[in-house]
Every structure is written in structure tokens, then in C-alpha cells.
Amino acid sequence: MSLKSVEMQIALPRTHEAGKISNQQQQQGQLLQEHAAENTEKQLERKRKMVHQSEQKEELHLKERQSKEHSPVERQHQNQKNKKKRQKESKHPYKGKQIDISG
């Protein structure tokens, strides 16, 4: 199969265009991969920040809870509750407080 000079004038530029197009397609695939990788990194970074922020909120919440538990008013209230519980537990209708060991 031989090509005439007129056909060669048409065929050479087209092969050059085909090479450019295939190169562009290859680069486009690489760009898509890079873009996807960047998006993944951004998502991971956002998730890390969210976890860090939620941990900080939890720490603050725990500190607030501990400060409430350790406040004098709260301790006094807790002591009163404990005293009432002990009084209810100690009053029993038929059990005595002394142990009879003399068999």
C-alpha cells in the first residue's frame, strides 16, 4: 500500500493531531487522579479537625461536670442524699443492731 504525495500531505498533520489528542487524554487522566487525591486529602484533614474539635468539646464538658461535682454546694447536697440513704437503710423493722454470739 503506497501513499501518493497528496495523501501524505493530509496524513502527516493528522497523525500529529492524533498524537496531541492522545497526549491530552493521558494528561487529563493524570489531572483527574491528582484532583481526586487532593479532594481525599482535604476530606481527611476536615475529618481530623472535626475529631480534634469534638475531643476538645468533650474535655470542656468533662471539666464542667467535674467542677460542678466538686463545688461546695454540690458536695453538701450529695452528702445530704447519702445521709438520707443511710438512715433509710439502717431502719429495719425486725433486725437488731447487736450480734448474739452466745449460742
PDB file of N, CA and C in Angstrom:
ATOM      1  N   MET A   1       0.843  -1.157   0.000  1.00  0.00           N
ATOM      2  CA  MET A   1       0.000   0.000   0.000  1.00  0.00           C
ATOM      3  C   MET A   1       0.902   1.238   0.000  1.00  0.00           C
ATOM      4  N   SER A   2       0.852   1.912  -1.070  1.00  0.00           N
ATOM      5  CA  SER A   2       1.697   3.097  -1.210  1.00  0.00           C
ATOM      6  C   SER A   2       0.822   4.340  -1.152  1.00  0.00           C
ATOM      7  N   LEU A   3       1.362   5.387  -0.563  1.00  0.00           N
ATOM      8  CA  LEU A   3       0.619   6.639  -0.458  1.00  0.00           C
ATOM      9  C   LEU A   3       1.171   7.637  -1.470  1.00  0.00           C
ATOM     10  N   LYS A   4       0.293   8.326  -2.076  1.00  0.00           N
ATOM     11  CA  LYS A   4       0.703   9.357  -3.026  1.00  0.00           C
ATOM     12  C   LYS A   4       1.075  10.615  -2.247  1.00  0.00           C
ATOM     13  N   SER A   5       1.723  11.526  -2.905  1.00  0.00           N
ATOM     14  CA  SER A   5       2.197  12.744  -2.240  1.00  0.00           C
ATOM     15  C   SER A   5       1.042  13.579  -1.699  1.00  0.00           C
ATOM     16  N   VAL A   6      -0.089  13.603  -2.365  1.00  0.00           N
ATOM     17  CA  VAL A   6      -1.249  14.363  -1.886  1.00  0.00           C
ATOM     18  C   VAL A   6      -1.787  13.719  -0.617  1.00  0.00           C
ATOM     19  N   GLU A   7      -1.852  12.418  -0.563  1.00  0.00           N
ATOM     20  CA  GLU A   7      -2.334  11.711   0.620  1.00  0.00           C
ATOM     21  C   GLU A   7      -1.375  11.897   1.782  1.00  0.00           C
ATOM     22  N   MET A   8      -0.088  11.963   1.496  1.00  0.00           N
ATOM     23  CA  MET A   8       0.909  12.182   2.542  1.00  0.00           C
ATOM     24  C   MET A   8       0.747  13.571   3.168  1.00  0.00           C
ATOM     25  N   GLN A   9       0.355  14.556   2.358  1.00  0.00           N
ATOM     26  CA  GLN A   9       0.157  15.901   2.874  1.00  0.00           C
ATOM     27  C   GLN A   9      -1.004  15.935   3.872  1.00  0.00           C
ATOM     28  N   ILE A  10      -1.985  15.116   3.694  1.00  0.00           N
ATOM     29  CA  ILE A  10      -3.143  15.056   4.588  1.00  0.00           C
ATOM     30  C   ILE A  10      -2.845  14.147   5.780  1.00  0.00           C
ATOM     31  N   ALA A  11      -2.136  13.050   5.554  1.00  0.00           N
ATOM     32  CA  ALA A  11      -1.913  12.056   6.597  1.00  0.00           C
ATOM     33  C   ALA A  11      -0.951  12.537   7.672  1.00  0.00           C
ATOM     34  N   LEU A  12       0.109  13.218   7.336  1.00  0.00           N
ATOM     35  CA  LEU A  12       1.100  13.661   8.324  1.00  0.00           C
ATOM     36  C   LEU A  12       0.522  14.628   9.361  1.00  0.00           C
ATOM     37  N   PRO A  13      -0.197  15.666   8.974  1.00  0.00           N
ATOM     38  CA  PRO A  13      -0.766  16.552  10.002  1.00  0.00           C
ATOM     39  C   PRO A  13      -1.784  15.833  10.903  1.00  0.00           C
ATOM     40  N   ARG A  14      -2.489  14.884  10.331  1.00  0.00           N
ATOM     41  CA  ARG A  14      -3.485  14.172  11.138  1.00  0.00           C
ATOM     42  C   ARG A  14      -2.808  13.282  12.175  1.00  0.00           C
ATOM     43  N   THR A  15      -1.718  12.674  11.827  1.00  0.00           N
ATOM     44  CA  THR A  15      -1.015  11.854  12.814  1.00  0.00           C
ATOM     45  C   THR A  15      -0.465  12.748  13.932  1.00  0.00           C
ATOM     46  N   HIS A  16      -0.043  13.930  13.569  1.00  0.00           N
ATOM     47  CA  HIS A  16       0.437  14.888  14.568  1.00  0.00           C
ATOM     48  C   HIS A  16      -0.719  15.291  15.497  1.00  0.00           C
ATOM     49  N   GLU A  17      -1.898  15.543  14.914  1.00  0.00           N
ATOM     50  CA  GLU A  17      -3.078  15.893  15.705  1.00  0.00           C
ATOM     51  C   GLU A  17      -3.493  14.723  16.602  1.00  0.00           C
ATOM     52  N   ALA A  18      -3.427  13.530  16.053  1.00  0.00           N
ATOM     53  CA  ALA A  18      -3.796  12.347  16.838  1.00  0.00           C
ATOM     54  C   ALA A  18      -2.848  12.188  18.022  1.00  0.00           C
ATOM     55  N   GLY A  19      -1.580  12.457  17.822  1.00  0.00           N
ATOM     56  CA  GLY A  19      -0.601  12.387  18.907  1.00  0.00           C
ATOM     57  C   GLY A  19      -0.907  13.410  19.991  1.00  0.00           C
ATOM     58  N   LYS A  20      -1.265  14.623  19.569  1.00  0.00           N
ATOM     59  CA  LYS A  20      -1.622  15.667  20.535  1.00  0.00           C
ATOM     60  C   LYS A  20      -2.858  15.263  21.344  1.00  0.00           C
ATOM     61  N   ILE A  21      -3.839  14.752  20.654  1.00  0.00           N
ATOM     62  CA  ILE A  21      -5.090  14.356  21.325  1.00  0.00           C
ATOM     63  C   ILE A  21      -4.834  13.243  22.330  1.00  0.00           C
ATOM     64  N   SER A  22      -4.058  12.236  21.954  1.00  0.00           N
ATOM     65  CA  SER A  22      -3.774  11.136  22.887  1.00  0.00           C
ATOM     66  C   SER A  22      -2.962  11.641  24.084  1.00  0.00           C
ATOM     67  N   ASN A  23      -2.057  12.565  23.844  1.00  0.00           N
ATOM     68  CA  ASN A  23      -1.268  13.157  24.931  1.00  0.00           C
ATOM     69  C   ASN A  23      -2.179  13.939  25.884  1.00  0.00           C
ATOM     70  N   GLN A  24      -3.116  14.705  25.323  1.00  0.00           N
ATOM     71  CA  GLN A  24      -4.047  15.473  26.146  1.00  0.00           C
ATOM     72  C   GLN A  24      -4.929  14.546  26.981  1.00  0.00           C
ATOM     73  N   GLN A  25      -5.378  13.452  26.392  1.00  0.00           N
ATOM     74  CA  GLN A  25      -6.213  12.499  27.126  1.00  0.00           C
ATOM     75  C   GLN A  25      -5.437  11.865  28.279  1.00  0.00           C
ATOM     76  N   GLN A  26      -4.183  11.555  28.019  1.00  0.00           N
ATOM     77  CA  GLN A  26      -3.351  10.969  29.053  1.00  0.00           C
ATOM     78  C   GLN A  26      -3.129  11.967  30.194  1.00  0.00           C
ATOM     79  N   GLN A  27      -2.844  13.217  29.846  1.00  0.00           N
ATOM     80  CA  GLN A  27      -2.649  14.233  30.871  1.00  0.00           C
ATOM     81  C   GLN A  27      -3.934  14.516  31.636  1.00  0.00           C
ATOM     82  N   GLN A  28      -5.057  14.437  30.944  1.00  0.00           N
ATOM     83  CA  GLN A  28      -6.337  14.661  31.602  1.00  0.00           C
ATOM     84  C   GLN A  28      -6.590  13.576  32.658  1.00  0.00           C
ATOM     85  N   GLY A  29      -6.245  12.345  32.333  1.00  0.00           N
ATOM     86  CA  GLY A  29      -6.384  11.263  33.308  1.00  0.00           C
ATOM     87  C   GLY A  29      -5.512  11.490  34.531  1.00  0.00           C
ATOM     88  N   GLN A  30      -4.300  11.948  34.293  1.00  0.00           N
ATOM     89  CA  GLN A  30      -3.395  12.247  35.405  1.00  0.00           C
ATOM     90  C   GLN A  30      -3.934  13.391  36.253  1.00  0.00           C
ATOM     91  N   LEU A  31      -4.463  14.424  35.594  1.00  0.00           N
ATOM     92  CA  LEU A  31      -5.027  15.549  36.328  1.00  0.00           C
ATOM     93  C   LEU A  31      -6.226  15.115  37.178  1.00  0.00           C
ATOM     94  N   LEU A  32      -7.050  14.236  36.620  1.00  0.00           N
ATOM     95  CA  LEU A  32      -8.196  13.740  37.386  1.00  0.00           C
ATOM     96  C   LEU A  32      -7.732  12.963  38.620  1.00  0.00           C
ATOM     97  N   GLN A  33      -6.703  12.171  38.466  1.00  0.00           N
ATOM     98  CA  GLN A  33      -6.149  11.413  39.602  1.00  0.00           C
ATOM     99  C   GLN A  33      -5.621  12.362  40.670  1.00  0.00           C
ATOM    100  N   GLU A  34      -4.881  13.376  40.239  1.00  0.00           N
ATOM    101  CA  GLU A  34      -4.329  14.346  41.187  1.00  0.00           C
ATOM    102  C   GLU A  34      -5.445  15.093  41.905  1.00  0.00           C
ATOM    103  N   HIS A  35      -6.465  15.470  41.161  1.00  0.00           N
ATOM    104  CA  HIS A  35      -7.598  16.184  41.745  1.00  0.00           C
ATOM    105  C   HIS A  35      -8.323  15.303  42.772  1.00  0.00           C
ATOM    106  N   ALA A  36      -8.515  14.038  42.425  1.00  0.00           N
ATOM    107  CA  ALA A  36      -9.167  13.112  43.352  1.00  0.00           C
ATOM    108  C   ALA A  36      -8.327  12.928  44.615  1.00  0.00           C
ATOM    109  N   ALA A  37      -7.025  12.844  44.457  1.00  0.00           N
ATOM    110  CA  ALA A  37      -6.134  12.695  45.616  1.00  0.00           C
ATOM    111  C   ALA A  37      -6.188  13.941  46.498  1.00  0.00           C
ATOM    112  N   GLU A  38      -6.218  15.116  45.895  1.00  0.00           N
ATOM    113  CA  GLU A  38      -6.318  16.360  46.668  1.00  0.00           C
ATOM    114  C   GLU A  38      -7.622  16.408  47.448  1.00  0.00           C
ATOM    115  N   ASN A  39      -8.727  16.019  46.794  1.00  0.00           N
ATOM    116  CA  ASN A  39     -10.027  16.003  47.474  1.00  0.00           C
ATOM    117  C   ASN A  39     -10.018  15.043  48.655  1.00  0.00           C
ATOM    118  N   THR A  40      -9.408  13.888  48.457  1.00  0.00           N
ATOM    119  CA  THR A  40      -9.324  12.907  49.535  1.00  0.00           C
ATOM    120  C   THR A  40      -8.525  13.463  50.706  1.00  0.00           C
ATOM    121  N   GLU A  41      -7.418  14.116  50.411  1.00  0.00           N
ATOM    122  CA  GLU A  41      -6.596  14.722  51.472  1.00  0.00           C
ATOM    123  C   GLU A  41      -7.373  15.801  52.213  1.00  0.00           C
ATOM    124  N   LYS A  42      -8.105  16.617  51.478  1.00  0.00           N
ATOM    125  CA  LYS A  42      -8.902  17.673  52.110  1.00  0.00           C
ATOM    126  C   LYS A  42      -9.963  17.071  53.024  1.00  0.00           C
ATOM    127  N   GLN A  43     -10.617  16.013  52.566  1.00  0.00           N
ATOM    128  CA  GLN A  43     -11.644  15.362  53.378  1.00  0.00           C
ATOM    129  C   GLN A  43     -11.029  14.772  54.645  1.00  0.00           C
ATOM    130  N   LEU A  44      -9.880  14.131  54.506  1.00  0.00           N
ATOM    131  CA  LEU A  44      -9.215  13.566  55.685  1.00  0.00           C
ATOM    132  C   LEU A  44      -8.836  14.657  56.674  1.00  0.00           C
ATOM    133  N   GLU A  45      -8.343  15.765  56.165  1.00  0.00           N
ATOM    134  CA  GLU A  45      -7.962  16.883  57.040  1.00  0.00           C
ATOM    135  C   GLU A  45      -9.184  17.438  57.769  1.00  0.00           C
ATOM    136  N   ARG A  46     -10.300  17.572  57.045  1.00  0.00           N
ATOM    137  CA  ARG A  46     -11.535  18.047  57.683  1.00  0.00           C
ATOM    138  C   ARG A  46     -11.990  17.089  58.776  1.00  0.00           C
ATOM    139  N   LYS A  47     -11.913  15.794  58.489  1.00  0.00           N
ATOM    140  CA  LYS A  47     -12.319  14.800  59.481  1.00  0.00           C
ATOM    141  C   LYS A  47     -11.412  14.864  60.706  1.00  0.00           C
ATOM    142  N   ARG A  48     -10.115  15.031  60.474  1.00  0.00           N
ATOM    143  CA  ARG A  48      -9.183  15.140  61.602  1.00  0.00           C
ATOM    144  C   ARG A  48      -9.521  16.350  62.465  1.00  0.00           C
ATOM    145  N   LYS A  49      -9.814  17.462  61.816  1.00  0.00           N
ATOM    146  CA  LYS A  49     -10.161  18.672  62.556  1.00  0.00           C
ATOM    147  C   LYS A  49     -11.453  18.481  63.335  1.00  0.00           C
ATOM    148  N   MET A  50     -12.425  17.802  62.711  1.00  0.00           N
ATOM    149  CA  MET A  50     -13.695  17.571  63.392  1.00  0.00           C
ATOM    150  C   MET A  50     -13.486  16.699  64.625  1.00  0.00           C
ATOM    151  N   VAL A  51     -12.665  15.677  64.504  1.00  0.00           N
ATOM    152  CA  VAL A  51     -12.387  14.808  65.643  1.00  0.00           C
ATOM    153  C   VAL A  51     -11.685  15.590  66.736  1.00  0.00           C
ATOM    154  N   HIS A  52     -10.729  16.408  66.345  1.00  0.00           N
ATOM    155  CA  HIS A  52      -9.988  17.219  67.314  1.00  0.00           C
ATOM    156  C   HIS A  52     -10.939  18.189  68.025  1.00  0.00           C
ATOM    157  N   GLN A  53     -11.831  18.814  67.271  1.00  0.00           N
ATOM    158  CA  GLN A  53     -12.779  19.750  67.860  1.00  0.00           C
ATOM    159  C   GLN A  53     -13.740  19.027  68.797  1.00  0.00           C
ATOM    160  N   SER A  54     -14.213  17.858  68.401  1.00  0.00           N
ATOM    161  CA  SER A  54     -15.138  17.123  69.262  1.00  0.00           C
ATOM    162  C   SER A  54     -14.432  16.649  70.532  1.00  0.00           C
ATOM    163  N   GLU A  55     -13.150  16.304  70.427  1.00  0.00           N
ATOM    164  CA  GLU A  55     -12.399  15.916  71.618  1.00  0.00           C
ATOM    165  C   GLU A  55     -12.257  17.106  72.561  1.00  0.00           C
ATOM    166  N   GLN A  56     -12.002  18.281  72.001  1.00  0.00           N
ATOM    167  CA  GLN A  56     -11.891  19.468  72.835  1.00  0.00           C
ATOM    168  C   GLN A  56     -13.215  19.771  73.529  1.00  0.00           C
ATOM    169  N   LYS A  57     -14.317  19.622  72.808  1.00  0.00           N
ATOM    170  CA  LYS A  57     -15.634  19.845  73.414  1.00  0.00           C
ATOM    171  C   LYS A  57     -15.888  18.858  74.536  1.00  0.00           C
ATOM    172  N   GLU A  58     -15.512  17.597  74.310  1.00  0.00           N
ATOM    173  CA  GLU A  58     -15.680  16.578  75.347  1.00  0.00           C
ATOM    174  C   GLU A  58     -14.858  16.923  76.582  1.00  0.00           C
ATOM    175  N   GLU A  59     -13.623  17.377  76.379  1.00  0.00           N
ATOM    176  CA  GLU A  59     -12.777  17.744  77.516  1.00  0.00           C
ATOM    177  C   GLU A  59     -13.403  18.891  78.293  1.00  0.00           C
ATOM    178  N   LEU A  60     -13.918  19.889  77.594  1.00  0.00           N
ATOM    179  CA  LEU A  60     -14.569  21.002  78.273  1.00  0.00           C
ATOM    180  C   LEU A  60     -15.799  20.532  79.040  1.00  0.00           C
ATOM    181  N   HIS A  61     -16.567  19.662  78.412  1.00  0.00           N
ATOM    182  CA  HIS A  61     -17.768  19.134  79.055  1.00  0.00           C
ATOM    183  C   HIS A  61     -17.395  18.363  80.320  1.00  0.00           C
ATOM    184  N   LEU A  62     -16.344  17.557  80.257  1.00  0.00           N
ATOM    185  CA  LEU A  62     -15.900  16.810  81.422  1.00  0.00           C
ATOM    186  C   LEU A  62     -15.402  17.742  82.519  1.00  0.00           C
ATOM    187  N   LYS A  63     -14.669  18.775  82.133  1.00  0.00           N
ATOM    188  CA  LYS A  63     -14.178  19.738  83.121  1.00  0.00           C
ATOM    189  C   LYS A  63     -15.338  20.442  83.807  1.00  0.00           C
ATOM    190  N   GLU A  64     -16.349  20.826  83.031  1.00  0.00           N
ATOM    191  CA  GLU A  64     -17.521  21.478  83.615  1.00  0.00           C
ATOM    192  C   GLU A  64     -18.237  20.541  84.578  1.00  0.00           C
ATOM    193  N   ARG A  65     -18.389  19.294  84.177  1.00  0.00           N
ATOM    194  CA  ARG A  65     -19.060  18.314  85.022  1.00  0.00           C
ATOM    195  C   ARG A  65     -18.270  18.099  86.315  1.00  0.00           C
ATOM    196  N   GLN A  66     -16.957  17.996  86.197  1.00  0.00           N
ATOM    197  CA  GLN A  66     -16.135  17.802  87.384  1.00  0.00           C
ATOM    198  C   GLN A  66     -16.188  19.016  88.295  1.00  0.00           C
ATOM    199  N   SER A  67     -16.186  20.201  87.708  1.00  0.00           N
ATOM    200  CA  SER A  67     -16.244  21.409  88.540  1.00  0.00           C
ATOM    201  C   SER A  67     -17.586  21.487  89.265  1.00  0.00           C
ATOM    202  N   LYS A  68     -18.662  21.035  88.623  1.00  0.00           N
ATOM    203  CA  LYS A  68     -19.960  21.015  89.293  1.00  0.00           C
ATOM    204  C   LYS A  68     -19.956  20.020  90.445  1.00  0.00           C
ATOM    205  N   GLU A  69     -19.372  18.852  90.205  1.00  0.00           N
ATOM    206  CA  GLU A  69     -19.341  17.818  91.239  1.00  0.00           C
ATOM    207  C   GLU A  69     -18.490  18.242  92.426  1.00  0.00           C
ATOM    208  N   HIS A  70     -17.497  19.049  92.188  1.00  0.00           N
ATOM    209  CA  HIS A  70     -16.586  19.427  93.250  1.00  0.00           C
ATOM    210  C   HIS A  70     -16.949  20.756  93.896  1.00  0.00           C
ATOM    211  N   SER A  71     -18.024  21.371  93.486  1.00  0.00           N
ATOM    212  CA  SER A  71     -18.412  22.635  94.104  1.00  0.00           C
ATOM    213  C   SER A  71     -18.961  22.351  95.506  1.00  0.00           C
ATOM    214  N   PRO A  72     -18.783  23.273  96.442  1.00  0.00           N
ATOM    215  CA  PRO A  72     -19.219  23.044  97.825  1.00  0.00           C
ATOM    216  C   PRO A  72     -20.716  22.797  97.951  1.00  0.00           C
ATOM    217  N   VAL A  73     -21.503  23.510  97.194  1.00  0.00           N
ATOM    218  CA  VAL A  73     -22.958  23.337  97.267  1.00  0.00           C
ATOM    219  C   VAL A  73     -23.335  21.939  96.791  1.00  0.00           C
ATOM    220  N   GLU A  74     -22.702  21.525  95.718  1.00  0.00           N
ATOM    221  CA  GLU A  74     -22.992  20.188  95.179  1.00  0.00           C
ATOM    222  C   GLU A  74     -22.565  19.110  96.167  1.00  0.00           C
ATOM    223  N   ARG A  75     -21.418  19.271  96.778  1.00  0.00           N
ATOM    224  CA  ARG A  75     -20.959  18.284  97.771  1.00  0.00           C
ATOM    225  C   ARG A  75     -21.907  18.216  98.951  1.00  0.00           C
ATOM    226  N   GLN A  76     -22.369  19.362  99.398  1.00  0.00           N
ATOM    227  CA  GLN A  76     -23.290  19.394 100.523  1.00  0.00           C
ATOM    228  C   GLN A  76     -24.584  18.671 100.161  1.00  0.00           C
ATOM    229  N   HIS A  77     -25.070  18.933  98.976  1.00  0.00           N
ATOM    230  CA  HIS A  77     -26.293  18.283  98.504  1.00  0.00           C
ATOM    231  C   HIS A  77     -26.098  16.766  98.415  1.00  0.00           C
ATOM    232  N   GLN A  78     -24.942  16.356  97.908  1.00  0.00           N
ATOM    233  CA  GLN A  78     -24.631  14.927  97.787  1.00  0.00           C
ATOM    234  C   GLN A  78     -24.533  14.284  99.167  1.00  0.00           C
ATOM    235  N   ASN A  79     -23.931  14.975 100.129  1.00  0.00           N
ATOM    236  CA  ASN A  79     -23.819  14.441 101.484  1.00  0.00           C
ATOM    237  C   ASN A  79     -25.195  14.257 102.115  1.00  0.00           C
ATOM    238  N   GLN A  80     -26.089  15.198 101.900  1.00  0.00           N
ATOM    239  CA  GLN A  80     -27.444  15.077 102.436  1.00  0.00           C
ATOM    240  C   GLN A  80     -28.153  13.868 101.845  1.00  0.00           C
ATOM    241  N   LYS A  81     -27.992  13.657 100.556  1.00  0.00           N
ATOM    242  CA  LYS A  81     -28.602  12.483  99.916  1.00  0.00           C
ATOM    243  C   LYS A  81     -28.051  11.196 100.514  1.00  0.00           C
ATOM    244  N   ASN A  82     -26.730  11.156 100.712  1.00  0.00           N
ATOM    245  CA  ASN A  82     -26.107   9.960 101.277  1.00  0.00           C
ATOM    246  C   ASN A  82     -26.598   9.699 102.695  1.00  0.00           C
ATOM    247  N   LYS A  83     -26.761  10.738 103.506  1.00  0.00           N
ATOM    248  CA  LYS A  83     -27.257  10.584 104.872  1.00  0.00           C
ATOM    249  C   LYS A  83     -28.669  10.024 104.873  1.00  0.00           C
ATOM    250  N   LYS A  84     -29.509  10.542 103.994  1.00  0.00           N
ATOM    251  CA  LYS A  84     -30.891  10.057 103.912  1.00  0.00           C
ATOM    252  C   LYS A  84     -30.925   8.587 103.506  1.00  0.00           C
ATOM    253  N   LYS A  85     -30.058   8.209 102.575  1.00  0.00           N
ATOM    254  CA  LYS A  85     -29.994   6.808 102.141  1.00  0.00           C
ATOM    255  C   LYS A  85     -29.570   5.922 103.298  1.00  0.00           C
ATOM    256  N   ARG A  86     -28.553   6.349 104.051  1.00  0.00           N
ATOM    257  CA  ARG A  86     -28.069   5.550 105.179  1.00  0.00           C
ATOM    258  C   ARG A  86     -29.141   5.418 106.255  1.00  0.00           C
ATOM    259  N   GLN A  87     -29.891   6.482 106.493  1.00  0.00           N
ATOM    260  CA  GLN A  87     -30.942   6.428 107.501  1.00  0.00           C
ATOM    261  C   GLN A  87     -32.039   5.456 107.081  1.00  0.00           C
ATOM    262  N   LYS A  88     -32.386   5.475 105.806  1.00  0.00           N
ATOM    263  CA  LYS A  88     -33.414   4.552 105.320  1.00  0.00           C
ATOM    264  C   LYS A  88     -32.931   3.109 105.405  1.00  0.00           C
ATOM    265  N   GLU A  89     -31.671   2.888 105.088  1.00  0.00           N
ATOM    266  CA  GLU A  89     -31.117   1.534 105.123  1.00  0.00           C
ATOM    267  C   GLU A  89     -30.967   1.029 106.549  1.00  0.00           C
ATOM    268  N   SER A  90     -30.646   1.891 107.499  1.00  0.00           N
ATOM    269  CA  SER A  90     -30.393   1.452 108.869  1.00  0.00           C
ATOM    270  C   SER A  90     -31.684   1.135 109.623  1.00  0.00           C
ATOM    271  N   LYS A  91     -32.795   1.730 109.291  1.00  0.00           N
ATOM    272  CA  LYS A  91     -34.062   1.453 109.965  1.00  0.00           C
ATOM    273  C   LYS A  91     -34.695   0.207 109.369  1.00  0.00           C
ATOM    274  N   HIS A  92     -34.632  -0.865 110.139  1.00  0.00           N
ATOM    275  CA  HIS A  92     -35.250  -2.109 109.696  1.00  0.00           C
ATOM    276  C   HIS A  92     -36.179  -2.562 110.798  1.00  0.00           C
ATOM    277  N   PRO A  93     -37.369  -3.068 110.468  1.00  0.00           N
ATOM    278  CA  PRO A  93     -38.370  -3.346 111.496  1.00  0.00           C
ATOM    279  C   PRO A  93     -38.018  -4.479 112.471  1.00  0.00           C
ATOM    280  N   TYR A  94     -37.347  -5.528 112.052  1.00  0.00           N
ATOM    281  CA  TYR A  94     -37.115  -6.633 112.974  1.00  0.00           C
ATOM    282  C   TYR A  94     -35.661  -7.034 113.138  1.00  0.00           C
ATOM    283  N   LYS A  95     -34.758  -6.439 112.413  1.00  0.00           N
ATOM    284  CA  LYS A  95     -33.350  -6.764 112.585  1.00  0.00           C
ATOM    285  C   LYS A  95     -32.755  -5.885 113.672  1.00  0.00           C
ATOM    286  N   GLY A  96     -31.940  -6.491 114.541  1.00  0.00           N
ATOM    287  CA  GLY A  96     -31.315  -5.729 115.603  1.00  0.00           C
ATOM    288  C   GLY A  96     -29.935  -5.252 115.201  1.00  0.00           C
ATOM    289  N   LYS A  97     -29.340  -4.438 116.096  1.00  0.00           N
ATOM    290  CA  LYS A  97     -28.016  -3.917 115.812  1.00  0.00           C
ATOM    291  C   LYS A  97     -26.953  -4.699 116.551  1.00  0.00           C
ATOM    292  N   GLN A  98     -27.348  -5.583 117.494  1.00  0.00           N
ATOM    293  CA  GLN A  98     -26.387  -6.338 118.252  1.00  0.00           C
ATOM    294  C   GLN A  98     -26.330  -7.762 117.749  1.00  0.00           C
ATOM    295  N   ILE A  99     -25.135  -8.345 117.826  1.00  0.00           N
ATOM    296  CA  ILE A  99     -24.933  -9.724 117.378  1.00  0.00           C
ATOM    297  C   ILE A  99     -24.823 -10.580 118.643  1.00  0.00           C
ATOM    298  N   ASP A 100     -25.620 -11.642 118.699  1.00  0.00           N
ATOM    299  CA  ASP A 100     -25.601 -12.552 119.862  1.00  0.00           C
ATOM    300  C   ASP A 100     -24.736 -13.751 119.500  1.00  0.00           C
ATOM    301  N   ILE A 101     -23.551 -13.794 120.116  1.00  0.00           N
ATOM    302  CA  ILE A 101     -22.606 -14.869 119.807  1.00  0.00           C
ATOM    303  C   ILE A 101     -22.785 -16.057 120.763  1.00  0.00           C
ATOM    304  N   SER A 102     -23.394 -15.877 121.905  1.00  0.00           N
ATOM    305  CA  SER A 102     -23.535 -16.967 122.877  1.00  0.00           C
ATOM    306  C   SER A 102     -24.582 -17.940 122.374  1.00  0.00           C
ATOM    307  N   GLY A 103     -24.182 -18.942 121.750  1.00  0.00           N
ATOM    308  CA  GLY A 103     -25.011 -19.896 121.089  1.00  0.00           C
ATOM    309  C   GLY A 103     -25.927 -20.638 121.871  1.00  0.00           C
TER     310      GLY A 103
END
